[in-house]
N, C-alpha and C. Protein backbone atom coordinates (compact mmCIF):
# COMPACT_ATOMS: atom_id res chain seq x y z
N UNK A 1 -7.53 22.97 -8.53
CA UNK A 1 -8.19 22.21 -7.50
C UNK A 1 -8.28 23.06 -6.25
N UNK A 2 -9.43 23.05 -5.62
CA UNK A 2 -9.61 23.87 -4.42
C UNK A 2 -8.85 23.28 -3.24
N UNK A 3 -8.58 24.13 -2.28
CA UNK A 3 -7.87 23.71 -1.08
C UNK A 3 -8.73 22.75 -0.28
N UNK A 4 -8.13 21.66 0.16
CA UNK A 4 -8.85 20.68 0.97
C UNK A 4 -8.19 20.56 2.33
N UNK A 5 -9.00 20.37 3.34
CA UNK A 5 -8.45 20.23 4.68
C UNK A 5 -7.79 18.86 4.83
N UNK A 6 -7.01 18.73 5.86
CA UNK A 6 -6.36 17.47 6.18
C UNK A 6 -7.40 16.36 6.32
N UNK A 7 -8.52 16.66 6.95
CA UNK A 7 -9.57 15.67 7.16
C UNK A 7 -10.22 15.24 5.84
N UNK A 8 -10.41 16.19 4.95
CA UNK A 8 -10.98 15.85 3.64
C UNK A 8 -10.04 14.95 2.84
N UNK A 9 -8.75 15.28 2.86
CA UNK A 9 -7.78 14.46 2.16
C UNK A 9 -7.69 13.07 2.77
N UNK A 10 -7.73 12.99 4.07
CA UNK A 10 -7.69 11.68 4.73
C UNK A 10 -8.92 10.85 4.38
N UNK A 11 -10.07 11.50 4.31
CA UNK A 11 -11.29 10.81 3.92
C UNK A 11 -11.20 10.27 2.50
N UNK A 12 -10.67 11.06 1.61
CA UNK A 12 -10.51 10.62 0.22
C UNK A 12 -9.53 9.45 0.12
N UNK A 13 -8.41 9.54 0.85
CA UNK A 13 -7.45 8.43 0.86
C UNK A 13 -8.08 7.16 1.42
N UNK A 14 -8.87 7.29 2.47
CA UNK A 14 -9.54 6.12 3.03
C UNK A 14 -10.48 5.48 2.02
N UNK A 15 -11.20 6.30 1.27
CA UNK A 15 -12.10 5.77 0.23
C UNK A 15 -11.30 5.03 -0.83
N UNK A 16 -10.16 5.58 -1.23
CA UNK A 16 -9.31 4.92 -2.23
C UNK A 16 -8.81 3.59 -1.70
N UNK A 17 -8.42 3.56 -0.42
CA UNK A 17 -7.94 2.32 0.19
C UNK A 17 -9.02 1.25 0.16
N UNK A 18 -10.24 1.63 0.51
CA UNK A 18 -11.34 0.66 0.52
C UNK A 18 -11.60 0.10 -0.87
N UNK A 19 -11.63 0.98 -1.86
CA UNK A 19 -11.88 0.53 -3.23
C UNK A 19 -10.74 -0.37 -3.72
N UNK A 20 -9.50 0.05 -3.49
CA UNK A 20 -8.36 -0.75 -3.93
C UNK A 20 -8.33 -2.11 -3.25
N UNK A 21 -8.58 -2.15 -1.95
CA UNK A 21 -8.57 -3.42 -1.24
C UNK A 21 -9.66 -4.34 -1.77
N UNK A 22 -10.83 -3.79 -2.06
CA UNK A 22 -11.93 -4.59 -2.60
C UNK A 22 -11.57 -5.13 -3.98
N UNK A 23 -11.01 -4.29 -4.83
CA UNK A 23 -10.59 -4.73 -6.16
C UNK A 23 -9.48 -5.78 -6.08
N UNK A 24 -8.52 -5.58 -5.18
CA UNK A 24 -7.45 -6.56 -5.02
C UNK A 24 -8.00 -7.89 -4.53
N UNK A 25 -8.92 -7.84 -3.57
CA UNK A 25 -9.52 -9.07 -3.05
C UNK A 25 -10.21 -9.83 -4.16
N UNK A 26 -10.96 -9.13 -4.99
CA UNK A 26 -11.65 -9.77 -6.11
C UNK A 26 -10.64 -10.38 -7.08
N UNK A 27 -9.62 -9.61 -7.45
CA UNK A 27 -8.63 -10.09 -8.41
C UNK A 27 -7.86 -11.29 -7.88
N UNK A 28 -7.57 -11.29 -6.58
CA UNK A 28 -6.81 -12.39 -5.99
C UNK A 28 -7.63 -13.68 -5.92
N UNK A 29 -8.95 -13.58 -5.97
CA UNK A 29 -9.81 -14.77 -5.95
C UNK A 29 -9.92 -15.42 -7.33
N UNK A 30 -9.46 -14.76 -8.36
CA UNK A 30 -9.57 -15.30 -9.72
C UNK A 30 -8.57 -16.44 -9.90
N UNK A 31 -9.01 -17.54 -10.52
CA UNK A 31 -8.13 -18.70 -10.70
C UNK A 31 -6.84 -18.33 -11.45
N UNK A 32 -5.73 -18.84 -10.93
CA UNK A 32 -4.44 -18.63 -11.58
C UNK A 32 -3.87 -17.24 -11.44
N UNK A 33 -4.46 -16.41 -10.61
CA UNK A 33 -4.00 -15.02 -10.49
C UNK A 33 -2.88 -14.95 -9.46
N UNK A 34 -1.76 -14.37 -9.85
CA UNK A 34 -0.64 -14.20 -8.92
C UNK A 34 -0.39 -12.71 -8.63
N UNK A 35 -1.47 -11.95 -8.66
CA UNK A 35 -1.37 -10.51 -8.45
C UNK A 35 -0.74 -10.17 -7.10
N UNK A 36 -1.17 -10.85 -6.04
CA UNK A 36 -0.62 -10.55 -4.71
C UNK A 36 0.89 -10.77 -4.69
N UNK A 37 1.36 -11.87 -5.28
CA UNK A 37 2.80 -12.15 -5.31
C UNK A 37 3.54 -11.06 -6.09
N UNK A 38 2.96 -10.66 -7.21
CA UNK A 38 3.59 -9.63 -8.02
C UNK A 38 3.69 -8.32 -7.26
N UNK A 39 2.64 -7.98 -6.54
CA UNK A 39 2.65 -6.73 -5.78
C UNK A 39 3.62 -6.82 -4.61
N UNK A 40 3.61 -7.97 -3.92
CA UNK A 40 4.49 -8.14 -2.76
C UNK A 40 5.96 -8.04 -3.14
N UNK A 41 6.33 -8.51 -4.32
CA UNK A 41 7.74 -8.45 -4.71
C UNK A 41 8.20 -7.01 -4.95
N UNK A 42 7.27 -6.11 -5.17
CA UNK A 42 7.63 -4.71 -5.39
C UNK A 42 7.58 -3.85 -4.15
N UNK A 43 7.34 -4.45 -2.97
CA UNK A 43 7.18 -3.63 -1.77
C UNK A 43 8.42 -3.62 -0.88
N UNK A 44 9.45 -4.34 -1.24
CA UNK A 44 10.66 -4.38 -0.42
C UNK A 44 11.51 -3.15 -0.74
N UNK A 45 11.79 -2.37 0.29
CA UNK A 45 12.59 -1.15 0.11
C UNK A 45 14.00 -1.43 0.58
N UNK A 46 14.96 -1.17 -0.29
CA UNK A 46 16.37 -1.35 0.05
C UNK A 46 17.09 -0.04 -0.20
N UNK A 47 17.83 0.41 0.81
CA UNK A 47 18.57 1.66 0.62
C UNK A 47 20.05 1.41 0.35
N UNK A 48 20.49 0.16 0.49
CA UNK A 48 21.87 -0.24 0.22
C UNK A 48 22.88 0.61 0.99
N UNK A 49 22.49 1.10 2.12
CA UNK A 49 23.40 1.87 2.97
C UNK A 49 23.66 1.13 4.26
N UNK A 50 24.83 1.33 4.83
CA UNK A 50 25.15 0.67 6.07
C UNK A 50 24.44 1.32 7.25
N UNK A 51 24.39 2.63 7.26
CA UNK A 51 23.77 3.35 8.37
C UNK A 51 22.97 4.51 7.78
N UNK A 52 21.61 4.44 7.90
CA UNK A 52 20.82 5.52 7.30
C UNK A 52 20.94 6.84 8.03
N UNK A 53 21.53 6.83 9.22
CA UNK A 53 21.67 8.07 9.98
C UNK A 53 20.41 8.39 10.76
N UNK A 54 20.48 9.47 11.50
CA UNK A 54 19.35 9.86 12.35
C UNK A 54 18.18 10.41 11.54
N UNK A 55 18.49 11.06 10.42
CA UNK A 55 17.45 11.65 9.58
C UNK A 55 17.50 10.97 8.23
N UNK A 56 16.48 10.10 7.96
CA UNK A 56 16.50 9.41 6.66
C UNK A 56 16.28 10.37 5.50
N UNK A 57 16.81 9.99 4.35
CA UNK A 57 16.63 10.76 3.13
C UNK A 57 15.14 10.84 2.80
N UNK A 58 14.62 12.03 2.42
CA UNK A 58 13.19 12.16 2.12
C UNK A 58 12.69 11.18 1.07
N UNK A 59 13.50 10.90 0.07
CA UNK A 59 13.09 9.94 -0.97
C UNK A 59 12.88 8.56 -0.37
N UNK A 60 13.74 8.17 0.56
CA UNK A 60 13.61 6.87 1.22
C UNK A 60 12.35 6.84 2.07
N UNK A 61 12.04 7.93 2.76
CA UNK A 61 10.85 8.00 3.59
C UNK A 61 9.60 7.80 2.74
N UNK A 62 9.55 8.45 1.59
CA UNK A 62 8.40 8.33 0.68
C UNK A 62 8.28 6.90 0.17
N UNK A 63 9.39 6.32 -0.25
CA UNK A 63 9.37 4.95 -0.77
C UNK A 63 8.97 3.95 0.31
N UNK A 64 9.48 4.14 1.51
CA UNK A 64 9.13 3.24 2.62
C UNK A 64 7.64 3.38 2.97
N UNK A 65 7.12 4.59 2.96
CA UNK A 65 5.69 4.80 3.24
C UNK A 65 4.83 4.15 2.17
N UNK A 66 5.24 4.23 0.92
CA UNK A 66 4.50 3.60 -0.17
C UNK A 66 4.52 2.08 -0.01
N UNK A 67 5.66 1.52 0.34
CA UNK A 67 5.76 0.07 0.55
C UNK A 67 4.87 -0.37 1.71
N UNK A 68 4.88 0.42 2.78
CA UNK A 68 4.04 0.10 3.94
C UNK A 68 2.56 0.16 3.59
N UNK A 69 2.16 1.16 2.86
CA UNK A 69 0.76 1.30 2.44
C UNK A 69 0.35 0.13 1.54
N UNK A 70 1.24 -0.28 0.65
CA UNK A 70 0.94 -1.42 -0.22
C UNK A 70 0.74 -2.68 0.61
N UNK A 71 1.60 -2.89 1.61
CA UNK A 71 1.44 -4.06 2.48
C UNK A 71 0.11 -4.03 3.22
N UNK A 72 -0.28 -2.86 3.70
CA UNK A 72 -1.56 -2.72 4.39
C UNK A 72 -2.72 -3.04 3.46
N UNK A 73 -2.64 -2.57 2.22
CA UNK A 73 -3.69 -2.85 1.23
C UNK A 73 -3.78 -4.35 0.95
N UNK A 74 -2.63 -5.00 0.79
CA UNK A 74 -2.63 -6.44 0.54
C UNK A 74 -3.21 -7.21 1.72
N UNK A 75 -2.85 -6.81 2.92
CA UNK A 75 -3.38 -7.48 4.11
C UNK A 75 -4.90 -7.34 4.17
N UNK A 76 -5.40 -6.15 3.91
CA UNK A 76 -6.84 -5.91 3.92
C UNK A 76 -7.53 -6.71 2.82
N UNK A 77 -6.92 -6.76 1.64
CA UNK A 77 -7.49 -7.52 0.52
C UNK A 77 -7.56 -9.00 0.87
N UNK A 78 -6.54 -9.52 1.53
CA UNK A 78 -6.54 -10.94 1.93
C UNK A 78 -7.67 -11.22 2.92
N UNK A 79 -7.87 -10.30 3.86
CA UNK A 79 -8.96 -10.47 4.82
C UNK A 79 -10.31 -10.44 4.09
N UNK A 80 -10.48 -9.50 3.20
CA UNK A 80 -11.73 -9.41 2.43
C UNK A 80 -11.93 -10.65 1.57
N UNK A 81 -10.85 -11.17 1.04
CA UNK A 81 -10.93 -12.34 0.17
C UNK A 81 -11.31 -13.62 0.88
N UNK A 82 -10.99 -13.69 2.17
CA UNK A 82 -11.33 -14.88 2.93
C UNK A 82 -12.66 -14.75 3.64
N UNK A 83 -13.23 -13.54 3.59
CA UNK A 83 -14.53 -13.32 4.21
C UNK A 83 -14.50 -13.21 5.71
N UNK A 84 -13.30 -12.96 6.31
CA UNK A 84 -13.22 -12.81 7.76
C UNK A 84 -13.16 -11.37 8.16
């Protein structure tokens, strides 16, 4: 794969976010679908530590960023699903 600039990668990620949010919105409108609930239950990050310290573990940072991104996608999908 060729080298991509930060801006190109950000553009690609934004496109993925738009597509995923649209697909989630559609799926969440289907009768009896509990997709949002299933996704939301997987976004809680627990490190089971008393004090994470000044510098969090890199694995925790990645997991927390993924959980945050999932929450943002769900929020966008809900907005798209309600037409607002």
